Amino acid sequence: MLSSVLSLVALARTFQRLYWVEARAREAHDGAASGVVLALALVGVGVGVWPEPLLAVSARVTGALAGGGGP
């Protein structure tokens, strides 16, 4: 878990240096882009920490597809 978080931080810093820093030099800072990235990162970490709801939905869908039942 710790290695995943550290990898996420390293990747976010790399993207920031490669893409966002140059964009800031050309135009004003847009907090919406950073907010979207932060929200997606939190969703990814949340699914990693507490995967039970996603697994339950996956099991129901698999059962419905295997049984040929509709929604």
N, C-alpha and C. Protein backbone atom coordinates (compact mmCIF):
# COMPACT_ATOMS: atom_id res chain seq x y z
N MET A 1 0.83 -1.19 0.00
CA MET A 1 0.00 0.00 0.00
C MET A 1 0.87 1.25 0.00
N LEU A 2 1.89 1.24 0.83
CA LEU A 2 2.77 2.39 0.91
C LEU A 2 3.49 2.61 -0.42
N SER A 3 3.91 1.54 -1.05
CA SER A 3 4.61 1.69 -2.33
C SER A 3 3.66 2.24 -3.39
N SER A 4 2.39 1.89 -3.35
CA SER A 4 1.42 2.45 -4.30
C SER A 4 1.25 3.95 -4.11
N VAL A 5 1.16 4.37 -2.87
CA VAL A 5 1.02 5.80 -2.59
C VAL A 5 2.27 6.56 -3.02
N LEU A 6 3.43 6.00 -2.74
CA LEU A 6 4.67 6.66 -3.15
C LEU A 6 4.80 6.72 -4.67
N SER A 7 4.37 5.67 -5.35
CA SER A 7 4.39 5.69 -6.81
C SER A 7 3.43 6.74 -7.36
N LEU A 8 2.27 6.85 -6.73
CA LEU A 8 1.30 7.87 -7.15
C LEU A 8 1.87 9.27 -6.98
N VAL A 9 2.53 9.52 -5.87
CA VAL A 9 3.13 10.83 -5.62
C VAL A 9 4.23 11.11 -6.65
N ALA A 10 5.06 10.12 -6.92
CA ALA A 10 6.15 10.31 -7.89
C ALA A 10 5.60 10.57 -9.28
N LEU A 11 4.57 9.84 -9.67
CA LEU A 11 3.97 10.05 -10.99
C LEU A 11 3.30 11.41 -11.09
N ALA A 12 2.61 11.82 -10.05
CA ALA A 12 1.96 13.13 -10.06
C ALA A 12 3.00 14.25 -10.16
N ARG A 13 4.11 14.11 -9.46
CA ARG A 13 5.17 15.12 -9.55
C ARG A 13 5.78 15.17 -10.94
N THR A 14 5.93 14.00 -11.56
CA THR A 14 6.48 13.95 -12.91
C THR A 14 5.55 14.64 -13.89
N PHE A 15 4.26 14.33 -13.83
CA PHE A 15 3.30 15.00 -14.71
C PHE A 15 3.28 16.50 -14.45
N GLN A 16 3.39 16.88 -13.20
CA GLN A 16 3.37 18.30 -12.87
C GLN A 16 4.55 19.00 -13.51
N ARG A 17 5.72 18.41 -13.40
CA ARG A 17 6.90 19.05 -13.96
C ARG A 17 6.90 19.06 -15.48
N LEU A 18 6.40 17.98 -16.10
CA LEU A 18 6.43 17.89 -17.55
C LEU A 18 5.35 18.72 -18.23
N TYR A 19 4.14 18.69 -17.70
CA TYR A 19 3.02 19.28 -18.41
C TYR A 19 2.44 20.52 -17.75
N TRP A 20 2.25 20.48 -16.44
CA TRP A 20 1.52 21.56 -15.80
C TRP A 20 2.38 22.79 -15.57
N VAL A 21 3.68 22.64 -15.33
CA VAL A 21 4.53 23.80 -15.08
C VAL A 21 4.63 24.65 -16.34
N GLU A 22 4.81 24.01 -17.51
CA GLU A 22 4.87 24.76 -18.75
C GLU A 22 3.55 25.43 -19.06
N ALA A 23 2.45 24.76 -18.76
CA ALA A 23 1.14 25.34 -19.01
C ALA A 23 0.92 26.56 -18.11
N ARG A 24 1.41 26.52 -16.91
CA ARG A 24 1.27 27.67 -16.00
C ARG A 24 2.03 28.87 -16.51
N ALA A 25 3.16 28.65 -17.14
CA ALA A 25 3.95 29.76 -17.66
C ALA A 25 3.21 30.45 -18.80
N ARG A 26 2.42 29.70 -19.57
CA ARG A 26 1.71 30.28 -20.70
C ARG A 26 0.37 30.90 -20.32
N GLU A 27 -0.30 30.33 -19.36
CA GLU A 27 -1.62 30.83 -18.97
C GLU A 27 -1.79 30.80 -17.46
N ALA A 28 -2.85 31.41 -17.01
CA ALA A 28 -3.10 31.49 -15.58
C ALA A 28 -3.37 30.10 -15.00
N HIS A 29 -3.10 29.96 -13.71
CA HIS A 29 -3.30 28.68 -13.02
C HIS A 29 -4.78 28.34 -12.95
N ASP A 30 -5.09 27.12 -13.31
CA ASP A 30 -6.48 26.65 -13.26
C ASP A 30 -6.59 25.57 -12.19
N GLY A 31 -7.25 25.87 -11.11
CA GLY A 31 -7.39 24.93 -10.01
C GLY A 31 -8.30 23.77 -10.33
N ALA A 32 -9.13 23.91 -11.37
CA ALA A 32 -10.05 22.83 -11.72
C ALA A 32 -9.30 21.59 -12.19
N ALA A 33 -8.25 21.76 -12.97
CA ALA A 33 -7.48 20.61 -13.47
C ALA A 33 -6.81 19.88 -12.30
N SER A 34 -6.26 20.62 -11.38
CA SER A 34 -5.64 19.99 -10.22
C SER A 34 -6.68 19.30 -9.36
N GLY A 35 -7.86 19.87 -9.26
CA GLY A 35 -8.94 19.27 -8.49
C GLY A 35 -9.41 17.96 -9.09
N VAL A 36 -9.49 17.90 -10.41
CA VAL A 36 -9.90 16.66 -11.09
C VAL A 36 -8.87 15.57 -10.85
N VAL A 37 -7.60 15.91 -10.98
CA VAL A 37 -6.54 14.92 -10.76
C VAL A 37 -6.56 14.44 -9.30
N LEU A 38 -6.74 15.35 -8.37
CA LEU A 38 -6.80 14.97 -6.96
C LEU A 38 -8.00 14.08 -6.68
N ALA A 39 -9.15 14.41 -7.26
CA ALA A 39 -10.35 13.60 -7.05
C ALA A 39 -10.16 12.19 -7.60
N LEU A 40 -9.60 12.07 -8.79
CA LEU A 40 -9.37 10.75 -9.37
C LEU A 40 -8.36 9.95 -8.56
N ALA A 41 -7.34 10.63 -8.05
CA ALA A 41 -6.35 9.94 -7.21
C ALA A 41 -6.99 9.44 -5.93
N LEU A 42 -7.86 10.24 -5.33
CA LEU A 42 -8.54 9.82 -4.10
C LEU A 42 -9.49 8.64 -4.36
N VAL A 43 -10.15 8.63 -5.51
CA VAL A 43 -11.01 7.50 -5.85
C VAL A 43 -10.16 6.24 -6.01
N GLY A 44 -9.03 6.36 -6.68
CA GLY A 44 -8.14 5.21 -6.85
C GLY A 44 -7.63 4.67 -5.53
N VAL A 45 -7.24 5.56 -4.65
CA VAL A 45 -6.77 5.13 -3.33
C VAL A 45 -7.92 4.54 -2.52
N GLY A 46 -9.10 5.13 -2.63
CA GLY A 46 -10.26 4.62 -1.91
C GLY A 46 -10.64 3.21 -2.35
N VAL A 47 -10.60 2.96 -3.64
CA VAL A 47 -10.90 1.61 -4.14
C VAL A 47 -9.82 0.63 -3.68
N GLY A 48 -8.59 1.09 -3.60
CA GLY A 48 -7.52 0.22 -3.13
C GLY A 48 -7.63 -0.10 -1.65
N VAL A 49 -8.07 0.86 -0.87
CA VAL A 49 -8.18 0.67 0.58
C VAL A 49 -9.45 -0.10 0.94
N TRP A 50 -10.55 0.17 0.26
CA TRP A 50 -11.83 -0.45 0.59
C TRP A 50 -12.49 -0.98 -0.68
N PRO A 51 -12.05 -2.14 -1.19
CA PRO A 51 -12.53 -2.66 -2.47
C PRO A 51 -13.85 -3.44 -2.41
N GLU A 52 -14.40 -3.66 -1.22
CA GLU A 52 -15.56 -4.54 -1.08
C GLU A 52 -16.76 -4.12 -1.92
N PRO A 53 -17.16 -2.84 -1.98
CA PRO A 53 -18.32 -2.49 -2.82
C PRO A 53 -18.09 -2.81 -4.30
N LEU A 54 -16.90 -2.53 -4.79
CA LEU A 54 -16.59 -2.82 -6.19
C LEU A 54 -16.59 -4.33 -6.45
N LEU A 55 -16.08 -5.10 -5.52
CA LEU A 55 -16.08 -6.55 -5.67
C LEU A 55 -17.50 -7.11 -5.64
N ALA A 56 -18.35 -6.57 -4.79
CA ALA A 56 -19.74 -7.03 -4.70
C ALA A 56 -20.49 -6.75 -6.01
N VAL A 57 -20.31 -5.57 -6.56
CA VAL A 57 -20.95 -5.22 -7.83
C VAL A 57 -20.43 -6.12 -8.94
N SER A 58 -19.13 -6.37 -8.95
CA SER A 58 -18.54 -7.24 -9.96
C SER A 58 -19.10 -8.65 -9.87
N ALA A 59 -19.27 -9.16 -8.67
CA ALA A 59 -19.81 -10.50 -8.49
C ALA A 59 -21.26 -10.59 -8.97
N ARG A 60 -22.07 -9.56 -8.68
CA ARG A 60 -23.46 -9.55 -9.14
C ARG A 60 -23.55 -9.49 -10.66
N VAL A 61 -22.72 -8.67 -11.27
CA VAL A 61 -22.73 -8.56 -12.73
C VAL A 61 -22.28 -9.86 -13.37
N THR A 62 -21.24 -10.47 -12.81
CA THR A 62 -20.76 -11.75 -13.33
C THR A 62 -21.84 -12.82 -13.22
N GLY A 63 -22.52 -12.87 -12.09
CA GLY A 63 -23.60 -13.82 -11.92
C GLY A 63 -24.74 -13.59 -12.90
N ALA A 64 -25.07 -12.33 -13.14
CA ALA A 64 -26.15 -12.01 -14.08
C ALA A 64 -25.76 -12.39 -15.50
N LEU A 65 -24.51 -12.12 -15.86
CA LEU A 65 -24.06 -12.46 -17.22
C LEU A 65 -23.94 -13.97 -17.40
N ALA A 66 -23.46 -14.67 -16.40
CA ALA A 66 -23.32 -16.13 -16.50
C ALA A 66 -24.69 -16.80 -16.50
N GLY A 67 -25.62 -16.25 -15.75
CA GLY A 67 -26.96 -16.84 -15.69
C GLY A 67 -27.86 -16.41 -16.84
N GLY A 68 -27.42 -15.44 -17.60
CA GLY A 68 -28.20 -14.96 -18.73
C GLY A 68 -29.34 -14.05 -18.33
N GLY A 69 -29.35 -13.64 -17.08
CA GLY A 69 -30.41 -12.76 -16.61
C GLY A 69 -30.16 -11.32 -16.99
N GLY A 70 -31.20 -10.59 -17.14
CA GLY A 70 -31.08 -9.17 -17.44
C GLY A 70 -30.97 -8.36 -16.17
N PRO A 71 -30.91 -7.05 -16.31
CA PRO A 71 -30.79 -6.18 -15.13
C PRO A 71 -32.01 -6.13 -14.27
